N, C-alpha and C. Protein backbone atom coordinates (compact mmCIF):
# COMPACT_ATOMS: atom_id res chain seq x y z
N UNK A 1 98.02 89.50 93.21
CA UNK A 1 96.86 90.27 93.61
C UNK A 1 95.63 89.77 92.86
N UNK A 2 94.64 89.36 93.60
CA UNK A 2 93.40 88.89 92.99
C UNK A 2 92.56 90.08 92.54
N UNK A 3 92.07 89.97 91.34
CA UNK A 3 91.23 91.02 90.77
C UNK A 3 89.77 90.71 91.06
N UNK A 4 88.98 91.76 91.19
CA UNK A 4 87.56 91.60 91.43
C UNK A 4 86.81 91.42 90.11
N UNK A 5 85.98 90.43 90.05
CA UNK A 5 85.14 90.16 88.88
C UNK A 5 84.11 91.28 88.74
N UNK A 6 83.98 91.80 87.52
CA UNK A 6 83.03 92.87 87.27
C UNK A 6 81.60 92.34 87.10
N UNK A 7 80.65 93.15 87.52
CA UNK A 7 79.23 92.84 87.33
C UNK A 7 78.84 93.21 85.89
N UNK A 8 77.71 92.67 85.43
CA UNK A 8 77.25 92.90 84.04
C UNK A 8 77.16 94.38 83.67
N UNK A 9 76.66 95.21 84.59
CA UNK A 9 76.51 96.64 84.31
C UNK A 9 77.88 97.29 84.07
N UNK A 10 78.84 96.97 84.91
CA UNK A 10 80.19 97.52 84.76
C UNK A 10 80.84 97.02 83.47
N UNK A 11 80.59 95.77 83.13
CA UNK A 11 81.11 95.21 81.88
C UNK A 11 80.54 95.97 80.69
N UNK A 12 79.25 96.24 80.71
CA UNK A 12 78.61 96.98 79.61
C UNK A 12 79.22 98.37 79.46
N UNK A 13 79.47 99.03 80.57
CA UNK A 13 80.07 100.37 80.52
C UNK A 13 81.46 100.30 79.91
N UNK A 14 82.28 99.37 80.38
CA UNK A 14 83.64 99.24 79.88
C UNK A 14 83.66 98.81 78.41
N UNK A 15 82.78 97.92 78.04
CA UNK A 15 82.71 97.44 76.66
C UNK A 15 82.32 98.57 75.71
N UNK A 16 81.49 99.48 76.17
CA UNK A 16 81.07 100.61 75.32
C UNK A 16 82.22 101.55 74.99
N UNK A 17 83.31 101.48 75.73
CA UNK A 17 84.47 102.32 75.49
C UNK A 17 85.41 101.73 74.44
N UNK A 18 85.17 100.48 74.05
CA UNK A 18 86.03 99.79 73.09
C UNK A 18 85.34 99.63 71.75
N UNK A 19 86.13 99.61 70.70
CA UNK A 19 85.59 99.46 69.35
C UNK A 19 85.80 98.03 68.85
N UNK A 20 84.71 97.36 68.50
CA UNK A 20 84.83 96.05 67.86
C UNK A 20 84.93 94.86 68.79
N UNK A 21 84.94 95.07 70.08
CA UNK A 21 85.02 93.96 71.03
C UNK A 21 83.61 93.48 71.35
N UNK A 22 83.48 92.18 71.59
CA UNK A 22 82.16 91.64 71.93
C UNK A 22 82.26 90.74 73.15
N UNK A 23 81.16 90.66 73.85
CA UNK A 23 81.04 89.83 75.05
C UNK A 23 80.56 88.45 74.64
N UNK A 24 81.18 87.41 75.19
CA UNK A 24 80.72 86.07 74.85
C UNK A 24 79.39 85.77 75.55
N UNK A 25 78.76 84.67 75.16
CA UNK A 25 77.42 84.34 75.67
C UNK A 25 77.38 84.17 77.18
N UNK A 26 78.47 83.68 77.77
CA UNK A 26 78.49 83.47 79.22
C UNK A 26 78.75 84.76 79.99
N UNK A 27 79.19 85.80 79.28
CA UNK A 27 79.52 87.05 79.94
C UNK A 27 80.86 87.00 80.66
N UNK A 28 81.67 85.99 80.37
CA UNK A 28 82.92 85.78 81.08
C UNK A 28 84.16 86.18 80.29
N UNK A 29 84.01 86.60 79.03
CA UNK A 29 85.16 86.96 78.21
C UNK A 29 84.75 87.95 77.13
N UNK A 30 85.74 88.73 76.69
CA UNK A 30 85.53 89.60 75.54
C UNK A 30 86.48 89.15 74.44
N UNK A 31 86.07 89.40 73.20
CA UNK A 31 86.91 88.96 72.08
C UNK A 31 86.84 89.97 70.94
N UNK A 32 87.86 89.87 70.09
CA UNK A 32 87.91 90.70 68.90
C UNK A 32 88.87 90.08 67.90
N UNK A 33 88.58 90.28 66.63
CA UNK A 33 89.50 89.90 65.55
C UNK A 33 90.04 91.17 64.92
N UNK A 34 91.33 91.19 64.69
CA UNK A 34 91.98 92.29 63.98
C UNK A 34 92.47 91.76 62.65
N UNK A 35 92.29 92.53 61.59
CA UNK A 35 92.77 92.16 60.26
C UNK A 35 93.74 93.24 59.81
N UNK A 36 94.98 92.85 59.60
CA UNK A 36 96.03 93.78 59.20
C UNK A 36 96.35 93.62 57.72
N UNK A 37 97.20 94.49 57.20
CA UNK A 37 97.56 94.45 55.78
C UNK A 37 98.34 93.19 55.41
N UNK A 38 99.15 92.71 56.34
CA UNK A 38 100.01 91.56 56.05
C UNK A 38 100.50 90.94 57.35
N UNK A 39 101.30 89.90 57.23
CA UNK A 39 101.81 89.19 58.39
C UNK A 39 102.72 90.07 59.24
N UNK A 40 103.55 90.88 58.60
CA UNK A 40 104.48 91.73 59.35
C UNK A 40 103.71 92.70 60.25
N UNK A 41 102.64 93.29 59.74
CA UNK A 41 101.82 94.20 60.55
C UNK A 41 101.15 93.44 61.70
N UNK A 42 100.65 92.25 61.41
CA UNK A 42 100.03 91.44 62.46
C UNK A 42 101.05 91.07 63.54
N UNK A 43 102.23 90.67 63.11
CA UNK A 43 103.27 90.27 64.06
C UNK A 43 103.75 91.47 64.87
N UNK A 44 103.86 92.63 64.22
CA UNK A 44 104.23 93.85 64.95
C UNK A 44 103.20 94.18 66.03
N UNK A 45 101.93 94.05 65.68
CA UNK A 45 100.87 94.26 66.66
C UNK A 45 101.00 93.28 67.82
N UNK A 46 101.21 92.02 67.51
CA UNK A 46 101.33 91.00 68.56
C UNK A 46 102.53 91.28 69.46
N UNK A 47 103.61 91.75 68.89
CA UNK A 47 104.80 92.07 69.68
C UNK A 47 104.50 93.21 70.65
N UNK A 48 103.90 94.27 70.14
CA UNK A 48 103.56 95.40 71.00
C UNK A 48 102.52 95.00 72.06
N UNK A 49 101.54 94.21 71.66
CA UNK A 49 100.52 93.74 72.60
C UNK A 49 101.14 92.83 73.66
N UNK A 50 102.11 92.02 73.26
CA UNK A 50 102.77 91.12 74.22
C UNK A 50 103.54 91.92 75.27
N UNK A 51 104.17 93.01 74.87
CA UNK A 51 104.89 93.85 75.83
C UNK A 51 103.92 94.49 76.82
N UNK A 52 102.77 94.94 76.33
CA UNK A 52 101.74 95.51 77.22
C UNK A 52 101.21 94.43 78.16
N UNK A 53 100.97 93.25 77.63
CA UNK A 53 100.47 92.14 78.46
C UNK A 53 101.47 91.79 79.56
N UNK A 54 102.72 91.77 79.22
CA UNK A 54 103.75 91.47 80.22
C UNK A 54 103.82 92.56 81.29
N UNK A 55 103.74 93.82 80.87
CA UNK A 55 103.74 94.94 81.81
C UNK A 55 102.57 94.83 82.80
N UNK A 56 101.42 94.42 82.27
CA UNK A 56 100.22 94.29 83.11
C UNK A 56 100.15 92.94 83.83
N UNK A 57 101.06 92.03 83.46
CA UNK A 57 101.04 90.66 83.98
C UNK A 57 99.67 90.02 83.74
N UNK A 58 99.20 90.20 82.50
CA UNK A 58 97.89 89.68 82.10
C UNK A 58 97.99 89.24 80.64
N UNK A 59 97.88 87.98 80.40
CA UNK A 59 98.23 87.44 79.09
C UNK A 59 97.00 86.94 78.33
N UNK A 60 96.93 87.29 77.05
CA UNK A 60 95.74 86.96 76.25
C UNK A 60 95.75 85.53 75.74
N UNK A 61 94.58 85.10 75.38
CA UNK A 61 94.44 83.89 74.55
C UNK A 61 94.31 84.43 73.14
N UNK A 62 95.21 84.05 72.25
CA UNK A 62 95.12 84.58 70.90
C UNK A 62 95.57 83.57 69.87
N UNK A 63 95.19 83.87 68.63
CA UNK A 63 95.44 82.98 67.52
C UNK A 63 95.77 83.85 66.31
N UNK A 64 96.81 83.48 65.58
CA UNK A 64 97.24 84.27 64.44
C UNK A 64 97.37 83.40 63.20
N UNK A 65 96.77 83.84 62.11
CA UNK A 65 96.98 83.26 60.80
C UNK A 65 97.21 84.43 59.85
N UNK A 66 98.38 84.47 59.27
CA UNK A 66 98.82 85.49 58.34
C UNK A 66 98.52 86.89 58.86
N UNK A 67 97.50 87.56 58.35
CA UNK A 67 97.25 88.95 58.72
C UNK A 67 96.12 89.11 59.74
N UNK A 68 95.58 88.01 60.24
CA UNK A 68 94.47 88.07 61.19
C UNK A 68 94.95 87.64 62.58
N UNK A 69 94.51 88.38 63.59
CA UNK A 69 94.79 88.03 64.98
C UNK A 69 93.46 88.00 65.72
N UNK A 70 93.10 86.84 66.26
CA UNK A 70 91.88 86.67 67.05
C UNK A 70 92.28 86.66 68.52
N UNK A 71 91.58 87.44 69.33
CA UNK A 71 91.94 87.59 70.74
C UNK A 71 90.73 87.33 71.62
N UNK A 72 90.99 86.67 72.74
CA UNK A 72 89.98 86.45 73.77
C UNK A 72 90.62 86.83 75.10
N UNK A 73 89.92 87.66 75.87
CA UNK A 73 90.43 88.09 77.17
C UNK A 73 89.45 87.75 78.28
N UNK A 74 89.99 87.25 79.36
CA UNK A 74 89.27 87.11 80.62
C UNK A 74 90.30 86.91 81.73
N UNK A 75 89.86 86.99 82.95
CA UNK A 75 90.75 86.81 84.09
C UNK A 75 90.40 85.48 84.74
N UNK A 76 91.21 84.48 84.47
CA UNK A 76 90.91 83.12 84.91
C UNK A 76 90.73 83.01 86.43
N UNK A 77 91.63 83.62 87.20
CA UNK A 77 91.52 83.45 88.64
C UNK A 77 90.32 84.17 89.24
N UNK A 78 89.72 85.11 88.50
CA UNK A 78 88.50 85.78 88.97
C UNK A 78 87.25 85.09 88.44
N UNK A 79 87.42 84.20 87.48
CA UNK A 79 86.28 83.51 86.90
C UNK A 79 85.43 84.37 86.00
N UNK A 80 86.04 85.36 85.38
CA UNK A 80 85.28 86.25 84.48
C UNK A 80 86.11 87.46 84.10
N UNK A 81 85.45 88.55 83.90
CA UNK A 81 86.10 89.78 83.45
C UNK A 81 86.43 90.70 84.61
N UNK A 82 87.60 91.33 84.53
CA UNK A 82 88.02 92.32 85.52
C UNK A 82 88.47 93.57 84.77
N UNK A 83 88.79 94.61 85.53
CA UNK A 83 89.27 95.84 84.91
C UNK A 83 90.54 95.59 84.11
N UNK A 84 91.30 94.59 84.48
CA UNK A 84 92.54 94.28 83.79
C UNK A 84 92.29 93.87 82.34
N UNK A 85 91.22 93.15 82.09
CA UNK A 85 90.88 92.76 80.72
C UNK A 85 90.63 93.99 79.85
N UNK A 86 89.96 94.95 80.40
CA UNK A 86 89.63 96.15 79.64
C UNK A 86 90.85 97.06 79.47
N UNK A 87 91.74 97.06 80.45
CA UNK A 87 92.99 97.82 80.30
C UNK A 87 93.83 97.22 79.17
N UNK A 88 93.94 95.89 79.14
CA UNK A 88 94.72 95.25 78.09
C UNK A 88 94.05 95.45 76.73
N UNK A 89 92.75 95.35 76.66
CA UNK A 89 92.04 95.58 75.40
C UNK A 89 92.30 97.00 74.89
N UNK A 90 92.31 97.98 75.77
CA UNK A 90 92.58 99.36 75.37
C UNK A 90 94.01 99.51 74.85
N UNK A 91 94.96 98.84 75.49
CA UNK A 91 96.34 98.87 75.01
C UNK A 91 96.44 98.22 73.63
N UNK A 92 95.70 97.15 73.42
CA UNK A 92 95.69 96.49 72.13
C UNK A 92 95.08 97.38 71.06
N UNK A 93 94.05 98.13 71.42
CA UNK A 93 93.44 99.07 70.48
C UNK A 93 94.47 100.09 70.01
N UNK A 94 95.26 100.61 70.94
CA UNK A 94 96.30 101.59 70.58
C UNK A 94 97.32 100.97 69.63
N UNK A 95 97.76 99.77 69.95
CA UNK A 95 98.75 99.08 69.11
C UNK A 95 98.21 98.82 67.73
N UNK A 96 96.96 98.44 67.64
CA UNK A 96 96.34 98.15 66.34
C UNK A 96 96.13 99.41 65.52
N UNK A 97 95.76 100.49 66.18
CA UNK A 97 95.46 101.74 65.47
C UNK A 97 96.64 102.23 64.65
N UNK A 98 97.83 101.96 65.10
CA UNK A 98 99.03 102.38 64.36
C UNK A 98 99.28 101.52 63.12
N UNK A 99 98.56 100.41 63.00
CA UNK A 99 98.83 99.47 61.92
C UNK A 99 97.65 99.23 60.98
N UNK A 100 96.48 99.62 61.37
CA UNK A 100 95.30 99.38 60.53
C UNK A 100 95.14 100.49 59.50
N UNK A 101 94.55 100.14 58.38
CA UNK A 101 94.31 101.14 57.32
C UNK A 101 93.33 102.19 57.76
């Protein structure tokens, strides 16, 4: 199922619902870095986020070093951001909230 690319106004509304996420210069992706207490907490977050991503069939671009996880979300086949990116970001927020100080 092809997702519809969101317009700038809709992106701004959705972005305002998230904490710590930012829009890239092109307006085609959102990103956030999470800093956890240690590697185990970071890996636990990634595991929970991976299960949510699989459920949504929407997979992040991410990078992990020890306790930091950097994430970038966009919908490649739509050429930008869709509601799916914001749904996954919200799921990631929930997973992180259980692990952050």
